[in-house]
Amino acid sequence: MTYPVELAKELTGLESGARGHLERLMSSWSLLSDLSFSDLILYVPIDNFSLAIADDNPSETKSHSLIDFTKRITPEDGLHFVILGQIRPATSQTFFDHDLVGQIYRAGELSLVQEAWRKGSIIFGELDEGREELTRYQCIPVRWNQEIIAVLSRAWSPLVGRKTGGLERTYLTLFARFAQMIADGVFPFVTDEDAFDDAPRVGDGVIVLDHDKRIIFASPNAINALHRMGIMSAVTGSTLFELGLNVEAVELSYIKHLPVMEEFERRPDVIVILRCIPLIEQDKVTGCALLLRDVTDLRRRDRLLLSKDAAIREVHHRVKNNLQTISSLLRLQGRRLGDNVARSALAEAERRVAAIALVHEILAREPGDQVPFGEIIPALIRLARDGESQGGEVSIECTGDVGQIPADVATPLAVVIAELTQNAVEHAFVPPFAGTPKVVLKLFSEAENGHLHVEVSDNGIGFPSDFDIDTTKSLGLSIVRDLVRSQLSGNLTVSNLCIEDKISGAVVAIDLKVD
């Protein structure tokens, strides 16, 4: 797929400021397409020194991906144009049933576009393109810093689309005013690069104000929005303030000559987003287009989601606190025991509970059920070090990351890693081991297929030659085996590392798939 930004950099000689102006135009031109009930196409001249075109079939229009680099464009060839962007209206049917972005037109193929570029003014015309009816075009030069950098073309047919009524005439008049602002270099505004997910569109409701901020037109959807806010009186000829709407966006827009968006709550159950776009002629605001969107249901859902997220986080917080309380009780009980075996068993149980509590601590901070597992690893390593019984300090390293994983995977996986690292620390470096003890935890994720790979290795004495994970009497390894196979539905392999037929350590590898 060809993207406008890539095309602009590759095929045109536009500087970054001009490219930014066109990007702002394309980020806000859904307004223009809806107001004009038409498809809009953005043509940009090709840089004479950045493209080569094959000289066979000179009248054939080709997409950029099919161009043969055999003949350089020269200024004598005339202007060649590439379609940088295309948008279809939401208020009418489209005029083009295929994607035009990336197509290149040779000099002479776009007479109306060439004329608008040459004259620097808006051009109207008709072309016979093999359809049953003539195609009408309105070509608008796009100015930036007093220079024409592109041509915006509106294409439509009077036989296709909506019948013309009062609303349609008002919308087309609004489009004509915006078109002149484009030709004058006023539109798009420098703030139009800001993206608003909830920004209203033409179909949500339109109100037109004159230079005195009085309403001269309100679409049916805008009237419905006003009714939901409790405004039942006639609106034409009134200001928003006279209707009881103390909206600062209108005043700011007239003063700053820039669009302003505001969300306000008329009553406790009605929330509306209003975007005020000034209409400018000769550096003066002569009116304003207001777009209204009732977002009451959307905000109600947002609040419910926030409330639900807060409740879930509170549950995880309480679970974490309860687990920490249990861990503390196990620690206190262990201190009262004289039997070292019993104390060791309670210490292991305490660490397992602490590993589970770590997951709930993360979930108590993060919304959703995905856990950034990398944040848990340092605490798991600390748990293993706290239980270290060897005389010398064991080096524990971690490489890789598995990113975000579901909570129902993170909890058993945290316990498994805690058990494996603790098992290595306690049992891998007993005599006859002589060296610097080291444990390595490796994490790897294949995002494309959801596979996770976890590996815990050490440079210790290795597993006994007759070791079998299925019959082991080790409680920790039994827990690992059962968690991997039952809760994680993964594969577990246990083996020794050998150098020249000599055991040089052990490795436990886990492979599982995350949906």
Protein backbone atom coordinates (compact mmCIF):
# COMPACT_ATOMS: atom_id res chain seq x y z
CA MET A 1 0.00 0.00 0.00
CA THR A 2 1.27 3.45 -0.93
CA TYR A 3 1.00 6.13 1.76
CA PRO A 4 0.71 9.89 1.05
CA VAL A 5 3.70 10.76 3.24
CA GLU A 6 5.89 8.27 1.37
CA LEU A 7 4.70 9.56 -2.02
CA ALA A 8 5.31 13.18 -1.03
CA LYS A 9 8.88 12.44 0.04
CA GLU A 10 9.70 10.19 -2.91
CA LEU A 11 8.08 11.93 -5.87
CA THR A 12 7.78 15.61 -5.06
CA GLY A 13 10.23 18.38 -4.32
CA LEU A 14 8.14 19.75 -1.46
CA GLU A 15 9.93 20.90 1.64
CA SER A 16 8.82 19.64 5.03
CA GLY A 17 6.67 22.70 5.76
CA ALA A 18 4.71 22.29 2.54
CA ARG A 19 4.31 18.56 3.12
CA GLY A 20 3.00 19.33 6.60
CA HIS A 21 0.44 21.73 5.11
CA LEU A 22 -0.84 19.00 2.78
CA GLU A 23 -0.93 16.47 5.61
CA ARG A 24 -3.06 18.88 7.65
CA LEU A 25 -5.35 19.31 4.66
CA MET A 26 -5.81 15.55 4.35
CA SER A 27 -6.39 15.16 8.09
CA SER A 28 -9.28 17.64 7.99
CA TRP A 29 -10.73 17.28 4.50
CA SER A 30 -13.52 14.87 5.50
CA LEU A 31 -15.34 18.10 6.39
CA LEU A 32 -14.88 19.38 2.83
CA SER A 33 -15.92 16.12 1.20
CA ASP A 34 -19.09 15.88 3.30
CA LEU A 35 -20.02 19.51 2.68
CA SER A 36 -19.55 19.16 -1.09
CA PHE A 37 -21.17 15.71 -1.36
CA SER A 38 -18.23 14.87 -3.61
CA ASP A 39 -15.03 12.91 -3.94
CA LEU A 40 -11.91 14.99 -3.41
CA ILE A 41 -8.56 14.26 -5.05
CA LEU A 42 -5.25 15.93 -4.23
CA TYR A 43 -2.81 16.41 -7.14
CA VAL A 44 0.83 17.34 -6.51
CA PRO A 45 3.43 18.07 -9.22
CA ILE A 46 6.24 15.56 -9.58
CA ASP A 47 9.73 16.82 -8.96
CA ASN A 48 11.58 17.01 -12.31
CA PHE A 49 14.66 15.40 -10.80
CA SER A 50 13.15 12.66 -8.67
CA LEU A 51 11.23 10.44 -11.10
CA ALA A 52 11.71 8.65 -14.38
CA ILE A 53 8.90 7.50 -16.68
CA ALA A 54 8.89 5.02 -19.56
CA ASP A 55 8.42 6.63 -22.96
CA ASP A 56 6.18 3.87 -24.34
CA ASN A 57 2.39 4.35 -24.26
CA PRO A 58 2.72 8.05 -23.36
CA SER A 59 -1.02 8.52 -22.95
CA GLU A 60 -1.39 5.68 -20.49
CA THR A 61 -1.84 6.54 -16.83
CA LYS A 62 0.33 4.37 -14.62
CA SER A 63 0.64 3.84 -10.91
CA HIS A 64 3.98 4.60 -9.36
CA SER A 65 4.72 0.93 -8.70
CA LEU A 66 4.65 0.15 -12.45
CA ILE A 67 6.96 2.93 -13.62
CA ASP A 68 10.06 1.99 -15.60
CA PHE A 69 13.02 4.21 -14.94
CA THR A 70 14.13 4.84 -18.53
CA LYS A 71 13.41 8.49 -19.29
CA ARG A 72 14.01 11.51 -17.12
CA ILE A 73 11.38 14.22 -16.83
CA THR A 74 12.60 17.63 -17.91
CA PRO A 75 10.97 21.05 -17.50
CA GLU A 76 10.21 21.03 -21.24
CA ASP A 77 7.97 18.01 -20.77
CA GLY A 78 5.51 20.08 -18.71
CA LEU A 79 4.08 19.31 -15.29
CA HIS A 80 3.35 15.71 -14.37
CA PHE A 81 1.08 15.11 -11.37
CA VAL A 82 0.76 12.34 -8.81
CA ILE A 83 -2.42 11.76 -6.80
CA LEU A 84 -1.31 12.16 -3.22
CA GLY A 85 -4.68 11.59 -1.54
CA GLN A 86 -8.31 10.75 -2.13
CA ILE A 87 -11.39 10.88 0.09
CA ARG A 88 -15.00 9.85 -0.41
CA PRO A 89 -18.00 11.64 1.13
CA ALA A 90 -20.07 10.23 3.98
CA THR A 91 -23.05 12.33 2.86
CA SER A 92 -23.38 10.95 -0.67
CA GLN A 93 -22.32 8.07 -2.87
CA THR A 94 -18.80 8.00 -4.21
CA PHE A 95 -17.99 8.94 -7.79
CA PHE A 96 -14.93 6.67 -8.03
CA ASP A 97 -15.14 2.98 -7.19
CA HIS A 98 -11.37 2.40 -7.13
CA ASP A 99 -8.36 3.78 -5.29
CA LEU A 100 -6.50 6.50 -7.20
CA VAL A 101 -3.70 7.25 -4.73
CA GLY A 102 -0.30 6.87 -6.37
CA GLN A 103 -1.49 7.21 -9.96
CA ILE A 104 0.61 9.49 -12.14
CA TYR A 105 -0.70 11.71 -14.93
CA ARG A 106 1.51 13.06 -17.65
CA ALA A 107 1.54 16.66 -18.81
CA GLY A 108 -1.52 17.44 -20.87
CA GLU A 109 -3.78 14.79 -19.34
CA LEU A 110 -5.21 17.07 -16.65
CA SER A 111 -6.15 20.27 -18.45
CA LEU A 112 -8.33 21.67 -15.65
CA VAL A 113 -5.74 20.85 -12.97
CA GLN A 114 -3.01 22.42 -15.11
CA GLU A 115 -5.14 25.54 -15.61
CA ALA A 116 -5.86 25.94 -11.89
CA TRP A 117 -2.14 25.54 -11.19
CA ARG A 118 -1.14 28.04 -13.87
CA LYS A 119 -3.74 30.71 -13.07
CA GLY A 120 -3.72 30.26 -9.31
CA SER A 121 -7.50 30.50 -9.13
CA ILE A 122 -10.46 28.16 -8.77
CA ILE A 123 -11.44 26.58 -12.11
CA PHE A 124 -14.72 24.87 -13.04
CA GLY A 125 -15.12 22.59 -16.02
CA GLU A 126 -16.61 19.45 -17.52
CA LEU A 127 -14.87 16.43 -19.02
CA ASP A 128 -16.13 13.48 -21.03
CA GLU A 129 -14.55 10.45 -19.37
CA GLY A 130 -16.58 7.77 -21.08
CA ARG A 131 -19.43 7.87 -18.57
CA GLU A 132 -23.09 8.28 -19.43
CA GLU A 133 -22.90 11.84 -18.15
CA LEU A 134 -20.24 14.51 -18.18
CA THR A 135 -18.00 14.67 -15.12
CA ARG A 136 -17.89 18.06 -13.47
CA TYR A 137 -14.73 19.27 -11.79
CA GLN A 138 -13.85 22.09 -9.46
CA CYS A 139 -10.08 22.54 -9.23
CA ILE A 140 -8.77 24.54 -6.28
CA PRO A 141 -5.14 25.69 -6.03
CA VAL A 142 -3.62 24.91 -2.63
CA ARG A 143 -1.46 27.76 -1.37
CA TRP A 144 1.18 27.68 1.32
CA ASN A 145 3.46 30.64 2.08
CA GLN A 146 2.06 32.47 -0.97
CA GLU A 147 3.06 29.63 -3.30
CA ILE A 148 0.86 27.04 -5.00
CA ILE A 149 1.98 23.57 -3.94
CA ALA A 150 -0.93 21.36 -5.07
CA VAL A 151 -4.39 21.30 -6.64
CA LEU A 152 -7.45 19.96 -4.84
CA SER A 153 -10.04 18.62 -7.28
CA ARG A 154 -13.69 18.04 -6.54
CA ALA A 155 -15.41 15.57 -8.89
CA TRP A 156 -19.16 15.03 -9.16
CA SER A 157 -22.09 14.60 -11.51
CA PRO A 158 -25.43 16.38 -11.17
CA LEU A 159 -27.13 13.09 -12.05
CA VAL A 160 -25.50 11.21 -9.17
CA GLY A 161 -26.13 11.73 -5.48
CA ARG A 162 -28.60 13.88 -3.54
CA LYS A 163 -31.22 16.24 -4.80
CA THR A 164 -30.51 19.88 -4.10
CA GLY A 165 -32.52 21.48 -1.28
CA GLY A 166 -31.98 24.14 1.36
CA LEU A 167 -29.53 22.04 3.37
CA GLU A 168 -27.56 21.03 0.29
CA ARG A 169 -27.32 24.63 -0.92
CA THR A 170 -26.05 25.77 2.49
CA TYR A 171 -23.45 23.01 2.61
CA LEU A 172 -22.24 23.78 -0.92
CA THR A 173 -21.99 27.47 -0.01
CA LEU A 174 -19.91 26.53 3.03
CA PHE A 175 -17.67 24.39 0.85
CA ALA A 176 -17.22 27.29 -1.58
CA ARG A 177 -16.07 29.49 1.31
CA PHE A 178 -13.60 26.85 2.49
CA ALA A 179 -12.40 26.38 -1.10
CA GLN A 180 -11.58 30.07 -1.32
CA MET A 181 -9.76 29.85 2.01
CA ILE A 182 -7.67 27.00 0.56
CA ALA A 183 -6.87 29.08 -2.51
CA ASP A 184 -5.95 32.02 -0.26
CA GLY A 185 -3.66 29.82 1.88
CA VAL A 186 -5.79 30.21 5.02
CA PHE A 187 -7.12 26.64 5.22
CA PRO A 188 -6.13 24.19 6.63
CA PHE A 189 -5.29 25.85 9.91
CA VAL A 190 -1.98 25.21 11.64
CA THR A 191 -3.84 23.50 14.50
CA ASP A 192 -5.57 21.01 12.19
CA GLU A 193 -2.69 18.57 12.62
CA ASP A 194 -4.10 17.74 16.05
CA ALA A 195 -6.17 14.57 15.86
CA PHE A 196 -9.47 14.35 17.75
CA ASP A 197 -10.98 10.89 17.97
CA ASP A 198 -14.37 12.25 19.00
CA ALA A 199 -14.41 15.28 16.69
CA PRO A 200 -17.86 15.85 15.18
CA ARG A 201 -18.49 15.43 11.46
CA VAL A 202 -20.94 17.11 9.12
CA GLY A 203 -23.49 14.34 9.55
CA ASP A 204 -23.59 14.91 13.32
CA GLY A 205 -24.96 18.44 12.98
CA VAL A 206 -24.00 21.79 11.47
CA ILE A 207 -24.75 25.34 12.62
CA VAL A 208 -23.66 28.37 10.59
CA LEU A 209 -23.02 31.73 12.29
CA ASP A 210 -22.67 35.13 10.64
CA HIS A 211 -20.08 37.79 11.46
CA ASP A 212 -22.17 38.86 14.49
CA LYS A 213 -22.19 35.29 15.82
CA ARG A 214 -25.89 34.88 15.06
CA ILE A 215 -27.28 31.61 13.75
CA ILE A 216 -28.28 31.76 10.08
CA PHE A 217 -28.64 28.00 9.58
CA ALA A 218 -28.97 24.83 11.67
CA SER A 219 -29.17 21.36 10.17
CA PRO A 220 -31.89 18.93 11.35
CA ASN A 221 -29.36 16.90 13.34
CA ALA A 222 -28.10 20.09 15.00
CA ILE A 223 -31.69 21.02 15.91
CA ASN A 224 -32.16 17.56 17.44
CA ALA A 225 -29.00 18.04 19.51
CA LEU A 226 -30.29 21.41 20.74
CA HIS A 227 -33.64 19.84 21.63
CA ARG A 228 -31.88 17.18 23.70
CA MET A 229 -30.19 20.02 25.55
CA GLY A 230 -33.61 21.46 26.38
CA ILE A 231 -33.58 24.27 23.77
CA MET A 232 -37.00 24.25 22.08
CA SER A 233 -37.25 27.84 20.82
CA ALA A 234 -36.47 28.95 17.27
CA VAL A 235 -32.72 29.27 16.84
CA THR A 236 -32.36 31.24 13.61
CA GLY A 237 -31.34 34.83 14.36
CA SER A 238 -30.24 34.05 17.92
CA THR A 239 -26.77 33.73 19.41
CA LEU A 240 -25.75 30.67 21.38
CA PHE A 241 -25.55 32.84 24.49
CA GLU A 242 -29.16 33.96 24.00
CA LEU A 243 -30.14 30.30 23.77
CA GLY A 244 -28.55 29.68 27.15
CA LEU A 245 -25.33 28.10 25.88
CA ASN A 246 -22.32 29.79 27.40
CA VAL A 247 -19.81 28.37 24.92
CA GLU A 248 -16.32 29.84 25.05
CA ALA A 249 -15.19 28.10 21.85
CA VAL A 250 -17.08 30.55 19.61
CA GLU A 251 -15.54 33.65 21.20
CA LEU A 252 -12.04 32.14 21.12
CA SER A 253 -12.41 31.09 17.49
CA TYR A 254 -13.45 34.58 16.38
CA ILE A 255 -10.60 36.14 18.35
CA LYS A 256 -7.81 33.70 17.45
CA HIS A 257 -8.92 33.02 13.84
CA LEU A 258 -8.43 29.33 14.62
CA PRO A 259 -10.69 26.30 15.15
CA VAL A 260 -11.60 25.60 18.77
CA MET A 261 -13.22 22.47 20.14
CA GLU A 262 -15.09 22.33 23.43
CA GLU A 263 -17.02 19.67 25.30
CA PHE A 264 -19.75 20.89 27.57
CA GLU A 265 -22.58 19.43 29.63
CA ARG A 266 -25.90 21.17 29.28
CA ARG A 267 -27.70 19.00 31.79
CA PRO A 268 -26.40 16.11 33.88
CA ASP A 269 -27.49 13.68 31.16
CA VAL A 270 -26.56 15.55 27.93
CA ILE A 271 -22.95 15.99 26.81
CA VAL A 272 -22.08 17.65 23.50
CA ILE A 273 -18.81 18.25 21.64
CA LEU A 274 -18.74 21.48 19.65
CA ARG A 275 -16.09 22.39 17.08
CA CYS A 276 -16.04 25.97 15.90
CA ILE A 277 -14.30 26.62 12.56
CA PRO A 278 -13.93 30.28 11.55
CA LEU A 279 -14.75 31.39 8.00
CA ILE A 280 -12.13 33.91 6.95
CA GLU A 281 -12.15 36.40 4.08
CA GLN A 282 -9.37 38.96 3.65
CA ASP A 283 -8.00 38.25 7.12
CA LYS A 284 -11.39 38.86 8.76
CA VAL A 285 -13.72 36.32 10.36
CA THR A 286 -16.98 36.65 8.43
CA GLY A 287 -18.73 33.74 10.04
CA CYS A 288 -18.29 30.37 11.62
CA ALA A 289 -19.20 26.74 10.96
CA LEU A 290 -20.13 24.84 14.11
CA LEU A 291 -20.10 21.06 14.14
CA LEU A 292 -22.08 19.44 16.94
CA ARG A 293 -21.92 15.88 18.21
CA ASP A 294 -23.99 14.41 21.01
CA VAL A 295 -21.58 12.13 22.90
CA THR A 296 -23.84 11.43 25.88
CA ASP A 297 -23.98 7.67 25.29
CA LEU A 298 -20.25 7.55 24.51
CA ARG A 299 -19.31 9.35 27.71
CA ARG A 300 -21.70 7.20 29.71
CA ARG A 301 -19.95 4.09 28.39
CA ASP A 302 -16.57 5.69 29.13
CA ARG A 303 -17.62 6.33 32.71
CA LEU A 304 -18.90 2.78 33.08
CA LEU A 305 -15.61 1.44 31.73
CA LEU A 306 -13.63 3.67 34.08
CA SER A 307 -15.78 2.53 36.98
CA LYS A 308 -15.32 -1.10 35.94
CA ASP A 309 -11.55 -0.68 35.57
CA ALA A 310 -11.37 0.99 38.98
CA ALA A 311 -13.37 -1.86 40.55
CA ILE A 312 -11.15 -4.51 38.93
CA ARG A 313 -7.98 -2.71 40.05
CA GLU A 314 -9.38 -2.48 43.57
CA VAL A 315 -10.05 -6.23 43.56
CA HIS A 316 -6.46 -6.93 42.48
CA HIS A 317 -5.21 -4.50 45.13
CA ARG A 318 -7.13 -6.31 47.84
CA VAL A 319 -6.00 -9.73 46.60
CA LYS A 320 -2.39 -8.49 46.63
CA ASN A 321 -2.80 -7.18 50.20
CA ASN A 322 -4.35 -10.47 51.33
CA LEU A 323 -1.56 -12.48 49.74
CA GLN A 324 1.03 -10.26 51.39
CA THR A 325 -0.74 -10.81 54.71
CA ILE A 326 -0.60 -14.58 54.18
CA SER A 327 3.08 -14.28 53.25
CA SER A 328 3.77 -12.34 56.45
CA LEU A 329 1.89 -14.93 58.54
CA LEU A 330 3.93 -17.74 56.98
CA ARG A 331 7.13 -15.83 57.76
CA LEU A 332 6.09 -15.27 61.39
CA GLN A 333 5.10 -18.91 61.78
CA GLY A 334 8.41 -20.05 60.34
CA ARG A 335 10.36 -17.99 62.85
CA ARG A 336 8.60 -19.80 65.72
CA LEU A 337 9.57 -23.26 64.48
CA GLY A 338 12.71 -25.02 65.64
CA ASP A 339 12.65 -27.63 62.91
CA ASN A 340 14.80 -26.41 60.02
CA VAL A 341 12.92 -28.59 57.52
CA ALA A 342 9.58 -27.09 58.53
CA ARG A 343 11.03 -23.57 58.44
CA SER A 344 12.41 -24.18 54.95
CA ALA A 345 9.03 -25.49 53.74
CA LEU A 346 7.21 -22.43 55.06
CA ALA A 347 9.83 -20.14 53.47
CA GLU A 348 9.23 -21.80 50.10
CA ALA A 349 5.48 -21.43 50.50
CA GLU A 350 6.00 -17.78 51.38
CA ARG A 351 7.98 -17.18 48.18
CA ARG A 352 5.29 -18.86 46.04
CA VAL A 353 2.61 -16.66 47.55
CA ALA A 354 4.83 -13.60 47.01
CA ALA A 355 5.29 -14.51 43.32
CA ILE A 356 1.51 -14.59 42.82
CA ALA A 357 1.14 -11.29 44.71
CA LEU A 358 3.56 -9.64 42.27
CA VAL A 359 1.16 -10.24 39.38
CA HIS A 360 -1.78 -8.77 41.27
CA GLU A 361 0.35 -5.76 42.24
CA ILE A 362 0.89 -5.00 38.53
CA LEU A 363 -2.80 -5.55 37.73
CA ALA A 364 -3.75 -3.19 40.54
CA ARG A 365 -1.83 -0.41 38.71
CA GLU A 366 -2.57 -1.23 35.07
CA PRO A 367 -6.08 -1.24 33.54
CA GLY A 368 -7.10 -4.34 31.59
CA ASP A 369 -6.00 -7.94 31.93
CA GLN A 370 -2.61 -7.66 30.19
CA VAL A 371 0.50 -7.74 32.36
CA PRO A 372 3.84 -6.15 31.36
CA PHE A 373 5.74 -9.23 32.45
CA GLY A 374 9.13 -7.55 32.28
CA GLU A 375 8.19 -5.51 35.37
CA ILE A 376 7.79 -8.71 37.40
CA ILE A 377 11.15 -10.27 36.57
CA PRO A 378 13.37 -8.11 38.87
CA ALA A 379 11.14 -8.91 41.85
CA LEU A 380 11.24 -12.65 41.01
CA ILE A 381 15.05 -12.50 40.90
CA ARG A 382 15.08 -10.75 44.28
CA LEU A 383 12.92 -13.56 45.70
CA ALA A 384 15.45 -16.12 44.51
CA ARG A 385 18.36 -14.16 45.98
CA ASP A 386 16.55 -13.76 49.30
CA GLY A 387 16.32 -17.53 49.56
CA GLU A 388 19.95 -18.11 48.64
CA SER A 389 21.62 -20.60 50.97
CA GLN A 390 25.00 -20.89 49.25
CA GLY A 391 28.05 -19.39 50.86
CA GLY A 392 28.96 -17.35 47.78
CA GLU A 393 26.63 -15.01 45.99
CA VAL A 394 24.96 -16.47 42.89
CA SER A 395 24.85 -14.28 39.77
CA ILE A 396 21.36 -14.20 38.23
CA GLU A 397 20.99 -12.61 34.79
CA CYS A 398 17.95 -12.04 32.60
CA THR A 399 17.88 -11.53 28.84
CA GLY A 400 14.94 -10.85 26.51
CA ASP A 401 11.32 -9.97 27.18
CA VAL A 402 7.88 -11.39 26.40
CA GLY A 403 6.05 -8.05 26.48
CA GLN A 404 2.41 -7.94 27.57
CA ILE A 405 0.80 -11.28 28.41
CA PRO A 406 -2.64 -12.16 29.82
CA ALA A 407 -3.01 -12.29 33.59
CA ASP A 408 -4.11 -15.94 33.52
CA VAL A 409 -0.73 -16.75 31.93
CA ALA A 410 1.35 -14.31 33.96
CA THR A 411 0.35 -15.75 37.37
CA PRO A 412 1.39 -19.40 36.83
CA LEU A 413 4.39 -18.30 34.72
CA ALA A 414 5.63 -16.09 37.57
CA VAL A 415 5.39 -19.02 39.99
CA VAL A 416 7.20 -21.30 37.50
CA ILE A 417 10.09 -18.85 37.03
CA ALA A 418 10.34 -18.28 40.79
CA GLU A 419 10.52 -22.06 41.38
CA LEU A 420 13.11 -22.68 38.66
CA THR A 421 15.44 -19.85 39.68
CA GLN A 422 15.12 -20.80 43.34
CA ASN A 423 15.76 -24.48 42.52
CA ALA A 424 18.89 -23.55 40.58
CA VAL A 425 20.18 -21.30 43.35
CA GLU A 426 19.65 -23.96 46.05
CA HIS A 427 20.65 -27.18 44.30
CA ALA A 428 22.88 -26.45 41.29
CA PHE A 429 25.98 -25.30 43.13
CA VAL A 430 26.47 -27.88 45.88
CA PRO A 431 29.73 -29.88 46.03
CA PRO A 432 31.48 -31.01 43.86
CA PHE A 433 30.75 -27.67 42.13
CA ALA A 434 33.77 -25.38 42.06
CA GLY A 435 33.52 -22.13 40.20
CA THR A 436 31.51 -18.92 39.97
CA PRO A 437 27.80 -19.78 40.31
CA LYS A 438 25.63 -18.29 37.58
CA VAL A 439 21.96 -18.59 36.64
CA VAL A 440 20.59 -17.19 33.35
CA LEU A 441 16.93 -16.53 32.62
CA LYS A 442 16.08 -16.15 28.93
CA LEU A 443 12.73 -14.88 27.65
CA PHE A 444 11.62 -14.81 24.03
CA SER A 445 8.31 -14.02 22.33
CA GLU A 446 7.22 -14.65 18.74
CA ALA A 447 4.52 -12.00 18.34
CA GLU A 448 3.34 -13.26 14.94
CA ASN A 449 2.20 -16.65 16.24
CA GLY A 450 1.88 -15.99 19.98
CA HIS A 451 4.61 -18.42 21.08
CA LEU A 452 6.55 -17.77 24.29
CA HIS A 453 9.85 -19.40 25.18
CA VAL A 454 11.28 -19.32 28.70
CA GLU A 455 14.59 -20.88 29.62
CA VAL A 456 16.36 -21.12 32.99
CA SER A 457 19.93 -22.41 32.84
CA ASP A 458 22.88 -22.61 35.21
CA ASN A 459 26.55 -23.64 35.18
CA GLY A 460 26.19 -26.01 38.13
CA ILE A 461 26.45 -29.77 38.65
CA GLY A 462 23.43 -30.61 36.48
CA PHE A 463 20.60 -33.09 37.04
CA PRO A 464 21.32 -36.66 38.13
CA SER A 465 21.71 -39.12 35.26
CA ASP A 466 18.50 -40.94 36.23
CA PHE A 467 16.43 -37.74 36.69
CA ASP A 468 12.89 -37.87 35.27
CA ILE A 469 10.59 -34.83 35.51
CA ASP A 470 7.53 -37.10 35.46
CA THR A 471 8.58 -39.05 38.55
CA THR A 472 10.53 -36.42 40.47
CA LYS A 473 9.86 -36.13 44.18
CA SER A 474 10.96 -32.49 44.27
CA LEU A 475 7.98 -30.39 45.29
CA GLY A 476 9.21 -27.30 43.41
CA LEU A 477 9.80 -29.14 40.12
CA SER A 478 6.51 -30.99 40.53
CA ILE A 479 4.74 -27.64 40.84
CA VAL A 480 6.56 -26.41 37.72
CA ARG A 481 5.60 -29.54 35.77
CA ASP A 482 1.94 -29.39 36.73
CA LEU A 483 1.58 -25.63 36.13
CA VAL A 484 3.24 -25.80 32.69
CA ARG A 485 1.22 -28.77 31.48
CA SER A 486 -2.16 -28.08 33.06
CA GLN A 487 -2.60 -24.31 33.42
CA LEU A 488 -0.25 -23.11 30.66
CA SER A 489 -0.78 -26.03 28.23
CA GLY A 490 2.90 -25.81 27.37
CA ASN A 491 5.85 -28.11 26.81
CA LEU A 492 8.56 -28.66 29.42
CA THR A 493 12.02 -30.07 28.70
CA VAL A 494 14.78 -30.71 31.23
CA SER A 495 18.36 -31.48 30.19
CA ASN A 496 22.00 -31.12 31.13
CA LEU A 497 24.51 -28.92 29.36
CA CYS A 498 27.67 -30.74 28.34
CA ILE A 499 31.11 -29.65 27.18
CA GLU A 500 33.36 -32.45 25.87
CA ASP A 501 31.04 -35.07 27.37
CA LYS A 502 31.32 -33.38 30.73
CA ILE A 503 28.27 -31.92 32.53
CA SER A 504 28.61 -28.15 32.73
CA GLY A 505 25.17 -27.16 33.94
CA ALA A 506 21.46 -27.71 33.49
CA VAL A 507 18.69 -26.08 31.47
CA VAL A 508 14.92 -26.12 31.82
CA ALA A 509 13.02 -24.88 28.74
CA ILE A 510 9.33 -24.02 28.53
CA ASP A 511 7.38 -23.40 25.32
CA LEU A 512 3.78 -22.26 25.35
CA LYS A 513 1.31 -20.42 23.15
CA VAL A 514 -0.62 -17.32 24.20
CA ASP A 515 -3.93 -16.64 22.46
